[in-house]
Amino acid sequence: MKTSYDMLVIGGGPAGAMAAKCAAEKGHSVLLVEKRPAIGVPVRCAEGVGKELLHQFLKPDDSWVASEIDQAQIVAPDGFVMNLKPEHAGSEVGYVLDRKVFDRELVWQAANAGADIMVKTRAVCPLTSDGRITGATIEHNGLKTDISAGIVVAADGVESKFARWCGVNTTVPLREMETCAQYLMTDIDIDPHTTVFYTGNSISPAGYVWIFPKGERTANVGIGIAGDKSRSGSRAKDYLDRFVSMNLPKGKAIELIAGGVSICRPLEKTVFDGMIIAGDAARVSDPLTGGGIYNALYTGSLAAEVGTTALSNGDVSAKALSVYDTTWRSSPMGIALERNYQIKEIFVKLTDDDLNAIIHSVSDMNMSEFNTLNLIRNIVTANPRLAMKLGKAGLKQLFDSIS
């Protein structure tokens, strides 16, 4: 067994697979380790991604595109439905993927590029030298092996154990960890090309319910609620079961998954001597929507680009790797993360009456002028009571988030 690589990637999700693929394509030796016995399972994702965003990295393939989405609907707590066409819905239209196939395809591409792959293999502790991370001890079939690496990419998901073992504070406040449950349901009446989002504190406190079609009469039906709202009898699955019973009573659930999604700000620092943190491990899932596929692909690709340059230059210090941190933070993705965090912090405090008023007023907008700034202006103008509730500080926060 080979025990020395240019790059060790921990985690076989989109961030890790993209990092391994891109680094291997540049001629570097790469080992990717995944703790689960199979890539892509269990699925812990609603599986939606924007078309334009995905096209930056991959050409869609029928084998892993479950459904193509043309429009989105937002349902207010009072049942009012607002329709968003593709030109206004942004990343909420695009593709619903089959992540079981999609993730495996990414790892196959990494393997075809020359990366070594090990599944059912855990990184159990970091290797260090003079304060620099130099690899990891991995465990496979009960046997532990030290793997040295010029650089380590920690892409081990929201749990992010490896970064924590390296001394990084990866704690997510309870209120900023969405607890989620999702059924794959069949035999339900849906528009196979429309995603639907249900809002309201009574059905999903500080979160929302989603229906993401995966073909005719089949969809991911899921929910996310704030972690501090979860308690006995009012957990994510309890809310989801009540929603399904009321709205999709004849549907058949053929799969259930549960998990958590961070809706906090990203880690304050995502590079260290000998290590880059990417994807959900870096807390780059969208704080407003919880979406993270594109962000994982982007940070994984960027980690490979910066990491391989550092390897070629013989300098993998945090200073040399800092271009990774500054690049993603100043990118459209990084700017959107901060904006959406600010908006999320305001929206999670709204009552159902507030949400009703906002959705009704936005539906009356002139959609030829639809953009984030005009959206916020419309909300404030049409809802003076909400403006008073937010106060000067809240309004400034809202407008600063889109400036």
Foldseek 3Di string as FASTA:
>chain_A
DDFEWAEEEEALFLLRLLLLLLLLLVPTEYEYEAQAQAWQPPPDDQQAWAAVLPVVPDDDDPVWFLAFAAWEWEAAPVGDIFIGGPVFPGTQGGTRTSSSVVSVVSNVSSVVSPYHYHYSKHFDAFDDDPLATFFTWMADPRDTDHHGHQAYEYAHALVLPHVVRSVAPSDAPQQQKWKKKKFWKAQFDDDQRYKYWYDACVLAQLWIWIWHHRDPRITITMYTHRRVQDDVCDHRVNSSVVCCCVHVVPIDTPDMDIDIAGLAQFGPAQAARRYGYAWNSRNLQANQHSHTNSRSNVLSNLCNVQSSVCVVVVGRHRVSSCCSVVVCCPDPSNLNNQLRSLVSVLVSPDHSVLRVQLSVQLSPDPCVPDDQVVSLVSSCVSCVVVDVVCDPVSNCSNNVSVD
